[in-house]
Protein backbone atom coordinates (compact mmCIF):
# COMPACT_ATOMS: atom_id res chain seq x y z
CA UNK A 1 0.00 0.00 0.00
CA UNK A 2 2.89 2.38 0.64
CA UNK A 3 4.78 1.68 -2.60
CA UNK A 4 5.09 4.62 -5.00
CA UNK A 5 4.16 3.42 -8.47
CA UNK A 6 6.13 4.91 -11.33
CA UNK A 7 5.36 3.22 -14.64
CA UNK A 8 8.08 5.24 -16.40
CA UNK A 9 10.82 3.97 -14.09
CA UNK A 10 9.49 0.40 -14.24
CA UNK A 11 9.53 -0.29 -10.52
CA UNK A 12 6.80 -2.90 -11.10
CA UNK A 13 6.88 -6.27 -12.78
CA UNK A 14 5.40 -6.69 -16.26
CA UNK A 15 2.39 -8.48 -14.82
CA UNK A 16 1.78 -5.73 -12.28
CA UNK A 17 1.97 -3.04 -14.98
CA UNK A 18 -0.47 -4.97 -17.14
CA UNK A 19 -2.97 -5.21 -14.27
CA UNK A 20 -2.76 -1.44 -13.80
CA UNK A 21 -3.38 -0.90 -17.51
CA UNK A 22 -6.41 -3.24 -17.34
CA UNK A 23 -7.76 -1.35 -14.34
CA UNK A 24 -7.37 1.96 -16.19
CA UNK A 25 -9.28 0.66 -19.20
CA UNK A 26 -12.16 -0.35 -16.92
CA UNK A 27 -12.14 2.99 -15.08
CA UNK A 28 -12.10 5.03 -18.30
CA UNK A 29 -14.52 2.77 -20.20
CA UNK A 30 -12.18 1.85 -23.05
CA UNK A 31 -13.86 -0.11 -25.85
CA UNK A 32 -10.64 -1.82 -26.98
CA UNK A 33 -8.14 -3.77 -24.87
CA UNK A 34 -4.71 -4.84 -26.13
CA UNK A 35 -3.41 -7.72 -24.04
CA UNK A 36 -0.19 -9.68 -24.34
CA UNK A 37 0.52 -13.26 -23.36
CA UNK A 38 1.57 -12.33 -19.84
CA UNK A 39 -2.10 -12.17 -18.88
CA UNK A 40 -3.27 -15.24 -17.04
CA UNK A 41 -6.24 -17.30 -18.19
CA UNK A 42 -8.11 -16.18 -15.07
CA UNK A 43 -7.70 -12.52 -16.07
CA UNK A 44 -8.60 -13.26 -19.70
CA UNK A 45 -11.75 -15.16 -18.77
CA UNK A 46 -12.79 -12.27 -16.55
CA UNK A 47 -12.29 -9.49 -19.10
CA UNK A 48 -13.85 -11.54 -21.90
CA UNK A 49 -17.14 -11.26 -20.00
CA UNK A 50 -17.19 -7.50 -20.64
CA UNK A 51 -18.32 -5.58 -23.72
CA UNK A 52 -14.82 -4.57 -24.84
CA UNK A 53 -13.08 -5.83 -27.96
CA UNK A 54 -10.01 -7.79 -26.90
CA UNK A 55 -6.90 -8.02 -29.06
CA UNK A 56 -4.65 -10.65 -27.53
CA UNK A 57 -1.06 -10.86 -28.74
CA UNK A 58 0.76 -14.16 -28.24
CA UNK A 59 3.82 -15.95 -29.51
CA UNK A 60 2.72 -19.29 -28.12
CA UNK A 61 -0.88 -20.01 -29.05
CA UNK A 62 -2.38 -22.84 -27.01
CA UNK A 63 -5.56 -24.89 -27.26
CA UNK A 64 -6.83 -23.10 -24.13
CA UNK A 65 -6.45 -19.72 -25.86
CA UNK A 66 -8.00 -21.06 -29.06
CA UNK A 67 -11.05 -22.18 -27.08
CA UNK A 68 -11.76 -18.79 -25.46
CA UNK A 69 -11.35 -16.44 -28.45
CA UNK A 70 -13.59 -15.96 -31.49
CA UNK A 71 -10.89 -15.46 -34.12
CA UNK A 72 -7.20 -15.97 -34.75
CA UNK A 73 -5.08 -13.73 -36.94
CA UNK A 74 -1.56 -14.84 -37.82
CA UNK A 75 1.12 -12.37 -38.85
CA UNK A 76 4.31 -13.48 -40.54
CA UNK A 77 7.38 -11.83 -41.92
CA UNK A 78 7.56 -12.26 -45.71
CA UNK A 79 11.16 -11.17 -46.23
PDB file of N, CA and C in Angstrom:
ATOM      1  N   UNK A   1       0.812  -1.197   0.000  1.00  0.00           N
ATOM      2  CA  UNK A   1       0.000   0.000   0.000  1.00  0.00           C
ATOM      3  C   UNK A   1       0.858   1.264   0.000  1.00  0.00           C
ATOM      4  N   UNK A   2       2.054   1.181   0.524  1.00  0.00           N
ATOM      5  CA  UNK A   2       2.888   2.377   0.643  1.00  0.00           C
ATOM      6  C   UNK A   2       3.915   2.489  -0.466  1.00  0.00           C
ATOM      7  N   UNK A   3       3.815   1.658  -1.505  1.00  0.00           N
ATOM      8  CA  UNK A   3       4.783   1.679  -2.600  1.00  0.00           C
ATOM      9  C   UNK A   3       4.379   2.742  -3.619  1.00  0.00           C
ATOM     10  N   UNK A   4       5.311   3.627  -3.952  1.00  0.00           N
ATOM     11  CA  UNK A   4       5.087   4.622  -4.996  1.00  0.00           C
ATOM     12  C   UNK A   4       5.198   3.923  -6.344  1.00  0.00           C
ATOM     13  N   UNK A   5       4.188   4.071  -7.158  1.00  0.00           N
ATOM     14  CA  UNK A   5       4.163   3.418  -8.465  1.00  0.00           C
ATOM     15  C   UNK A   5       4.583   4.412  -9.531  1.00  0.00           C
ATOM     16  N   UNK A   6       5.641   4.071 -10.253  1.00  0.00           N
ATOM     17  CA  UNK A   6       6.125   4.909 -11.330  1.00  0.00           C
ATOM     18  C   UNK A   6       6.295   4.025 -12.563  1.00  0.00           C
ATOM     19  N   UNK A   7       5.316   4.070 -13.466  1.00  0.00           N
ATOM     20  CA  UNK A   7       5.363   3.220 -14.644  1.00  0.00           C
ATOM     21  C   UNK A   7       6.518   3.574 -15.571  1.00  0.00           C
ATOM     22  N   UNK A   8       6.969   4.830 -15.542  1.00  0.00           N
ATOM     23  CA  UNK A   8       8.084   5.241 -16.396  1.00  0.00           C
ATOM     24  C   UNK A   8       9.415   4.662 -15.917  1.00  0.00           C
ATOM     25  N   UNK A   9       9.579   4.502 -14.621  1.00  0.00           N
ATOM     26  CA  UNK A   9      10.825   3.965 -14.089  1.00  0.00           C
ATOM     27  C   UNK A   9      10.768   2.456 -13.897  1.00  0.00           C
ATOM     28  N   UNK A  10       9.644   1.856 -14.246  1.00  0.00           N
ATOM     29  CA  UNK A  10       9.495   0.400 -14.245  1.00  0.00           C
ATOM     30  C   UNK A  10       9.837  -0.243 -12.903  1.00  0.00           C
ATOM     31  N   UNK A  11       9.281   0.337 -11.810  1.00  0.00           N
ATOM     32  CA  UNK A  11       9.529  -0.286 -10.515  1.00  0.00           C
ATOM     33  C   UNK A  11       8.472  -1.348 -10.193  1.00  0.00           C
ATOM     34  N   UNK A  12       7.773  -1.820 -11.224  1.00  0.00           N
ATOM     35  CA  UNK A  12       6.805  -2.905 -11.097  1.00  0.00           C
ATOM     36  C   UNK A  12       7.139  -3.996 -12.095  1.00  0.00           C
ATOM     37  N   UNK A  13       6.676  -5.193 -11.822  1.00  0.00           N
ATOM     38  CA  UNK A  13       6.879  -6.275 -12.780  1.00  0.00           C
ATOM     39  C   UNK A  13       5.971  -6.056 -13.989  1.00  0.00           C
ATOM     40  N   UNK A  14       6.237  -6.787 -15.065  1.00  0.00           N
ATOM     41  CA  UNK A  14       5.401  -6.686 -16.263  1.00  0.00           C
ATOM     42  C   UNK A  14       3.953  -7.047 -15.983  1.00  0.00           C
ATOM     43  N   UNK A  15       3.749  -8.076 -15.175  1.00  0.00           N
ATOM     44  CA  UNK A  15       2.394  -8.485 -14.821  1.00  0.00           C
ATOM     45  C   UNK A  15       1.674  -7.429 -14.008  1.00  0.00           C
ATOM     46  N   UNK A  16       2.382  -6.796 -13.085  1.00  0.00           N
ATOM     47  CA  UNK A  16       1.783  -5.733 -12.282  1.00  0.00           C
ATOM     48  C   UNK A  16       1.405  -4.540 -13.151  1.00  0.00           C
ATOM     49  N   UNK A  17       2.277  -4.159 -14.073  1.00  0.00           N
ATOM     50  CA  UNK A  17       1.970  -3.039 -14.977  1.00  0.00           C
ATOM     51  C   UNK A  17       0.751  -3.359 -15.825  1.00  0.00           C
ATOM     52  N   UNK A  18       0.657  -4.592 -16.303  1.00  0.00           N
ATOM     53  CA  UNK A  18      -0.473  -4.971 -17.137  1.00  0.00           C
ATOM     54  C   UNK A  18      -1.777  -4.897 -16.352  1.00  0.00           C
ATOM     55  N   UNK A  19      -1.762  -5.288 -15.093  1.00  0.00           N
ATOM     56  CA  UNK A  19      -2.966  -5.210 -14.271  1.00  0.00           C
ATOM     57  C   UNK A  19      -3.395  -3.764 -14.063  1.00  0.00           C
ATOM     58  N   UNK A  20      -2.439  -2.866 -13.933  1.00  0.00           N
ATOM     59  CA  UNK A  20      -2.756  -1.444 -13.798  1.00  0.00           C
ATOM     60  C   UNK A  20      -3.385  -0.924 -15.088  1.00  0.00           C
ATOM     61  N   UNK A  21      -2.827  -1.314 -16.221  1.00  0.00           N
ATOM     62  CA  UNK A  21      -3.385  -0.903 -17.513  1.00  0.00           C
ATOM     63  C   UNK A  21      -4.813  -1.425 -17.663  1.00  0.00           C
ATOM     64  N   UNK A  22      -5.058  -2.683 -17.278  1.00  0.00           N
ATOM     65  CA  UNK A  22      -6.411  -3.243 -17.341  1.00  0.00           C
ATOM     66  C   UNK A  22      -7.367  -2.468 -16.444  1.00  0.00           C
ATOM     67  N   UNK A  23      -6.914  -2.126 -15.250  1.00  0.00           N
ATOM     68  CA  UNK A  23      -7.763  -1.351 -14.338  1.00  0.00           C
ATOM     69  C   UNK A  23      -8.097   0.012 -14.933  1.00  0.00           C
ATOM     70  N   UNK A  24      -7.122   0.652 -15.558  1.00  0.00           N
ATOM     71  CA  UNK A  24      -7.368   1.956 -16.187  1.00  0.00           C
ATOM     72  C   UNK A  24      -8.397   1.855 -17.308  1.00  0.00           C
ATOM     73  N   UNK A  25      -8.322   0.791 -18.102  1.00  0.00           N
ATOM     74  CA  UNK A  25      -9.277   0.656 -19.201  1.00  0.00           C
ATOM     75  C   UNK A  25     -10.693   0.495 -18.664  1.00  0.00           C
ATOM     76  N   UNK A  26     -10.838  -0.201 -17.542  1.00  0.00           N
ATOM     77  CA  UNK A  26     -12.159  -0.353 -16.924  1.00  0.00           C
ATOM     78  C   UNK A  26     -12.651   0.974 -16.359  1.00  0.00           C
ATOM     79  N   UNK A  27     -11.762   1.702 -15.685  1.00  0.00           N
ATOM     80  CA  UNK A  27     -12.141   2.985 -15.080  1.00  0.00           C
ATOM     81  C   UNK A  27     -12.557   3.995 -16.147  1.00  0.00           C
ATOM     82  N   UNK A  28     -11.824   4.039 -17.256  1.00  0.00           N
ATOM     83  CA  UNK A  28     -12.104   5.028 -18.296  1.00  0.00           C
ATOM     84  C   UNK A  28     -13.040   4.519 -19.378  1.00  0.00           C
ATOM     85  N   UNK A  29     -13.530   3.298 -19.255  1.00  0.00           N
ATOM     86  CA  UNK A  29     -14.521   2.774 -20.196  1.00  0.00           C
ATOM     87  C   UNK A  29     -14.004   2.549 -21.601  1.00  0.00           C
ATOM     88  N   UNK A  30     -12.756   2.117 -21.733  1.00  0.00           N
ATOM     89  CA  UNK A  30     -12.182   1.855 -23.047  1.00  0.00           C
ATOM     90  C   UNK A  30     -12.959   0.748 -23.756  1.00  0.00           C
ATOM     91  N   UNK A  31     -13.136   0.888 -25.055  1.00  0.00           N
ATOM     92  CA  UNK A  31     -13.860  -0.108 -25.851  1.00  0.00           C
ATOM     93  C   UNK A  31     -12.931  -1.152 -26.460  1.00  0.00           C
ATOM     94  N   UNK A  32     -11.620  -0.932 -26.374  1.00  0.00           N
ATOM     95  CA  UNK A  32     -10.638  -1.822 -26.977  1.00  0.00           C
ATOM     96  C   UNK A  32      -9.537  -2.103 -25.963  1.00  0.00           C
ATOM     97  N   UNK A  33      -9.221  -3.380 -25.767  1.00  0.00           N
ATOM     98  CA  UNK A  33      -8.135  -3.768 -24.873  1.00  0.00           C
ATOM     99  C   UNK A  33      -7.082  -4.513 -25.670  1.00  0.00           C
ATOM    100  N   UNK A  34      -5.831  -4.126 -25.525  1.00  0.00           N
ATOM    101  CA  UNK A  34      -4.710  -4.837 -26.131  1.00  0.00           C
ATOM    102  C   UNK A  34      -3.996  -5.577 -25.006  1.00  0.00           C
ATOM    103  N   UNK A  35      -3.962  -6.895 -25.097  1.00  0.00           N
ATOM    104  CA  UNK A  35      -3.412  -7.724 -24.036  1.00  0.00           C
ATOM    105  C   UNK A  35      -2.309  -8.598 -24.613  1.00  0.00           C
ATOM    106  N   UNK A  36      -1.217  -8.756 -23.860  1.00  0.00           N
ATOM    107  CA  UNK A  36      -0.189  -9.678 -24.340  1.00  0.00           C
ATOM    108  C   UNK A  36      -0.254 -10.979 -23.559  1.00  0.00           C
ATOM    109  N   UNK A  37       0.615 -11.909 -23.895  1.00  0.00           N
ATOM    110  CA  UNK A  37       0.524 -13.255 -23.357  1.00  0.00           C
ATOM    111  C   UNK A  37       0.909 -13.369 -21.888  1.00  0.00           C
ATOM    112  N   UNK A  38       1.278 -12.277 -21.259  1.00  0.00           N
ATOM    113  CA  UNK A  38       1.574 -12.327 -19.836  1.00  0.00           C
ATOM    114  C   UNK A  38       0.300 -12.409 -19.000  1.00  0.00           C
ATOM    115  N   UNK A  39      -0.827 -12.084 -19.607  1.00  0.00           N
ATOM    116  CA  UNK A  39      -2.098 -12.165 -18.883  1.00  0.00           C
ATOM    117  C   UNK A  39      -2.421 -13.626 -18.579  1.00  0.00           C
ATOM    118  N   UNK A  40      -2.916 -13.870 -17.403  1.00  0.00           N
ATOM    119  CA  UNK A  40      -3.272 -15.239 -17.043  1.00  0.00           C
ATOM    120  C   UNK A  40      -4.645 -15.585 -17.607  1.00  0.00           C
ATOM    121  N   UNK A  41      -4.929 -16.870 -17.698  1.00  0.00           N
ATOM    122  CA  UNK A  41      -6.239 -17.305 -18.187  1.00  0.00           C
ATOM    123  C   UNK A  41      -7.357 -16.798 -17.290  1.00  0.00           C
ATOM    124  N   UNK A  42      -7.098 -16.693 -15.994  1.00  0.00           N
ATOM    125  CA  UNK A  42      -8.115 -16.178 -15.070  1.00  0.00           C
ATOM    126  C   UNK A  42      -8.469 -14.731 -15.414  1.00  0.00           C
ATOM    127  N   UNK A  43      -7.462 -13.910 -15.683  1.00  0.00           N
ATOM    128  CA  UNK A  43      -7.697 -12.517 -16.074  1.00  0.00           C
ATOM    129  C   UNK A  43      -8.428 -12.470 -17.407  1.00  0.00           C
ATOM    130  N   UNK A  44      -7.968 -13.251 -18.377  1.00  0.00           N
ATOM    131  CA  UNK A  44      -8.598 -13.262 -19.698  1.00  0.00           C
ATOM    132  C   UNK A  44     -10.064 -13.659 -19.619  1.00  0.00           C
ATOM    133  N   UNK A  45     -10.359 -14.728 -18.894  1.00  0.00           N
ATOM    134  CA  UNK A  45     -11.750 -15.163 -18.771  1.00  0.00           C
ATOM    135  C   UNK A  45     -12.614 -14.098 -18.122  1.00  0.00           C
ATOM    136  N   UNK A  46     -12.046 -13.335 -17.202  1.00  0.00           N
ATOM    137  CA  UNK A  46     -12.790 -12.268 -16.549  1.00  0.00           C
ATOM    138  C   UNK A  46     -13.078 -11.124 -17.512  1.00  0.00           C
ATOM    139  N   UNK A  47     -12.067 -10.645 -18.219  1.00  0.00           N
ATOM    140  CA  UNK A  47     -12.287  -9.493 -19.103  1.00  0.00           C
ATOM    141  C   UNK A  47     -13.087  -9.861 -20.343  1.00  0.00           C
ATOM    142  N   UNK A  48     -13.059 -11.127 -20.735  1.00  0.00           N
ATOM    143  CA  UNK A  48     -13.850 -11.544 -21.895  1.00  0.00           C
ATOM    144  C   UNK A  48     -15.347 -11.507 -21.608  1.00  0.00           C
ATOM    145  N   UNK A  49     -15.728 -11.377 -20.352  1.00  0.00           N
ATOM    146  CA  UNK A  49     -17.143 -11.261 -19.996  1.00  0.00           C
ATOM    147  C   UNK A  49     -17.676  -9.852 -20.246  1.00  0.00           C
ATOM    148  N   UNK A  50     -16.786  -8.884 -20.440  1.00  0.00           N
ATOM    149  CA  UNK A  50     -17.186  -7.500 -20.641  1.00  0.00           C
ATOM    150  C   UNK A  50     -17.500  -7.196 -22.095  1.00  0.00           C
ATOM    151  N   UNK A  51     -17.932  -5.966 -22.366  1.00  0.00           N
ATOM    152  CA  UNK A  51     -18.323  -5.577 -23.718  1.00  0.00           C
ATOM    153  C   UNK A  51     -17.158  -5.163 -24.621  1.00  0.00           C
ATOM    154  N   UNK A  52     -15.954  -5.072 -24.077  1.00  0.00           N
ATOM    155  CA  UNK A  52     -14.818  -4.565 -24.837  1.00  0.00           C
ATOM    156  C   UNK A  52     -14.371  -5.564 -25.907  1.00  0.00           C
ATOM    157  N   UNK A  53     -13.761  -5.020 -26.949  1.00  0.00           N
ATOM    158  CA  UNK A  53     -13.081  -5.835 -27.956  1.00  0.00           C
ATOM    159  C   UNK A  53     -11.688  -6.129 -27.424  1.00  0.00           C
ATOM    160  N   UNK A  54     -11.305  -7.388 -27.433  1.00  0.00           N
ATOM    161  CA  UNK A  54     -10.008  -7.793 -26.904  1.00  0.00           C
ATOM    162  C   UNK A  54      -9.099  -8.206 -28.057  1.00  0.00           C
ATOM    163  N   UNK A  55      -7.934  -7.595 -28.131  1.00  0.00           N
ATOM    164  CA  UNK A  55      -6.899  -8.016 -29.064  1.00  0.00           C
ATOM    165  C   UNK A  55      -5.802  -8.616 -28.199  1.00  0.00           C
ATOM    166  N   UNK A  56      -5.609  -9.917 -28.345  1.00  0.00           N
ATOM    167  CA  UNK A  56      -4.646 -10.651 -27.534  1.00  0.00           C
ATOM    168  C   UNK A  56      -3.450 -11.012 -28.404  1.00  0.00           C
ATOM    169  N   UNK A  57      -2.272 -10.637 -27.960  1.00  0.00           N
ATOM    170  CA  UNK A  57      -1.060 -10.857 -28.736  1.00  0.00           C
ATOM    171  C   UNK A  57      -0.258 -11.966 -28.065  1.00  0.00           C
ATOM    172  N   UNK A  58       0.044 -13.026 -28.826  1.00  0.00           N
ATOM    173  CA  UNK A  58       0.760 -14.160 -28.235  1.00  0.00           C
ATOM    174  C   UNK A  58       1.744 -14.756 -29.232  1.00  0.00           C
ATOM    175  N   UNK A  59       2.854 -15.208 -28.710  1.00  0.00           N
ATOM    176  CA  UNK A  59       3.825 -15.948 -29.513  1.00  0.00           C
ATOM    177  C   UNK A  59       3.536 -17.440 -29.451  1.00  0.00           C
ATOM    178  N   UNK A  60       3.003 -17.871 -28.339  1.00  0.00           N
ATOM    179  CA  UNK A  60       2.717 -19.294 -28.122  1.00  0.00           C
ATOM    180  C   UNK A  60       1.207 -19.470 -27.969  1.00  0.00           C
ATOM    181  N   UNK A  61       0.569 -19.850 -29.039  1.00  0.00           N
ATOM    182  CA  UNK A  61      -0.885 -20.009 -29.054  1.00  0.00           C
ATOM    183  C   UNK A  61      -1.218 -21.422 -28.589  1.00  0.00           C
ATOM    184  N   UNK A  62      -2.043 -21.531 -27.561  1.00  0.00           N
ATOM    185  CA  UNK A  62      -2.379 -22.837 -27.010  1.00  0.00           C
ATOM    186  C   UNK A  62      -3.827 -23.202 -27.321  1.00  0.00           C
ATOM    187  N   UNK A  63      -4.185 -24.444 -27.081  1.00  0.00           N
ATOM    188  CA  UNK A  63      -5.561 -24.887 -27.261  1.00  0.00           C
ATOM    189  C   UNK A  63      -6.489 -24.123 -26.311  1.00  0.00           C
ATOM    190  N   UNK A  64      -6.013 -23.861 -25.093  1.00  0.00           N
ATOM    191  CA  UNK A  64      -6.828 -23.099 -24.127  1.00  0.00           C
ATOM    192  C   UNK A  64      -7.177 -21.717 -24.672  1.00  0.00           C
ATOM    193  N   UNK A  65      -6.192 -21.044 -25.283  1.00  0.00           N
ATOM    194  CA  UNK A  65      -6.450 -19.722 -25.860  1.00  0.00           C
ATOM    195  C   UNK A  65      -7.377 -19.843 -27.059  1.00  0.00           C
ATOM    196  N   UNK A  66      -7.150 -20.834 -27.891  1.00  0.00           N
ATOM    197  CA  UNK A  66      -7.996 -21.064 -29.056  1.00  0.00           C
ATOM    198  C   UNK A  66      -9.460 -21.221 -28.637  1.00  0.00           C
ATOM    199  N   UNK A  67      -9.684 -21.894 -27.533  1.00  0.00           N
ATOM    200  CA  UNK A  67     -11.047 -22.175 -27.075  1.00  0.00           C
ATOM    201  C   UNK A  67     -11.780 -20.953 -26.525  1.00  0.00           C
ATOM    202  N   UNK A  68     -11.063 -19.931 -26.072  1.00  0.00           N
ATOM    203  CA  UNK A  68     -11.763 -18.791 -25.462  1.00  0.00           C
ATOM    204  C   UNK A  68     -11.914 -17.580 -26.385  1.00  0.00           C
ATOM    205  N   UNK A  69     -11.238 -17.578 -27.530  1.00  0.00           N
ATOM    206  CA  UNK A  69     -11.346 -16.443 -28.447  1.00  0.00           C
ATOM    207  C   UNK A  69     -12.153 -16.801 -29.689  1.00  0.00           C
ATOM    208  N   UNK A  70     -12.759 -15.780 -30.296  1.00  0.00           N
ATOM    209  CA  UNK A  70     -13.592 -15.963 -31.490  1.00  0.00           C
ATOM    210  C   UNK A  70     -12.782 -16.162 -32.764  1.00  0.00           C
ATOM    211  N   UNK A  71     -11.660 -15.452 -32.883  1.00  0.00           N
ATOM    212  CA  UNK A  71     -10.890 -15.463 -34.123  1.00  0.00           C
ATOM    213  C   UNK A  71      -9.398 -15.492 -33.821  1.00  0.00           C
ATOM    214  N   UNK A  72      -8.658 -15.983 -34.810  1.00  0.00           N
ATOM    215  CA  UNK A  72      -7.203 -15.967 -34.745  1.00  0.00           C
ATOM    216  C   UNK A  72      -6.681 -15.276 -36.006  1.00  0.00           C
ATOM    217  N   UNK A  73      -5.731 -14.404 -35.818  1.00  0.00           N
ATOM    218  CA  UNK A  73      -5.075 -13.731 -36.939  1.00  0.00           C
ATOM    219  C   UNK A  73      -3.585 -13.993 -36.794  1.00  0.00           C
ATOM    220  N   UNK A  74      -2.975 -14.531 -37.831  1.00  0.00           N
ATOM    221  CA  UNK A  74      -1.556 -14.837 -37.816  1.00  0.00           C
ATOM    222  C   UNK A  74      -0.807 -13.823 -38.668  1.00  0.00           C
ATOM    223  N   UNK A  75       0.260 -13.289 -38.115  1.00  0.00           N
ATOM    224  CA  UNK A  75       1.122 -12.368 -38.850  1.00  0.00           C
ATOM    225  C   UNK A  75       2.446 -13.067 -39.082  1.00  0.00           C
ATOM    226  N   UNK A  76       2.997 -12.898 -40.264  1.00  0.00           N
ATOM    227  CA  UNK A  76       4.307 -13.484 -40.535  1.00  0.00           C
ATOM    228  C   UNK A  76       5.143 -12.509 -41.336  1.00  0.00           C
ATOM    229  N   UNK A  77       6.427 -12.670 -41.205  1.00  0.00           N
ATOM    230  CA  UNK A  77       7.376 -11.832 -41.919  1.00  0.00           C
ATOM    231  C   UNK A  77       7.642 -12.465 -43.290  1.00  0.00           C
ATOM    232  N   UNK A  78       7.374 -11.745 -44.348  1.00  0.00           N
ATOM    233  CA  UNK A  78       7.564 -12.262 -45.710  1.00  0.00           C
ATOM    234  C   UNK A  78       8.813 -11.702 -46.365  1.00  0.00           C
ATOM    235  N   UNK A  79       9.912 -11.700 -45.668  1.00  0.00           N
ATOM    236  CA  UNK A  79      11.165 -11.167 -46.230  1.00  0.00           C
ATOM    237  C   UNK A  79      11.711 -12.069 -47.285  1.00  0.00           C
TER     238      UNK A  79
END
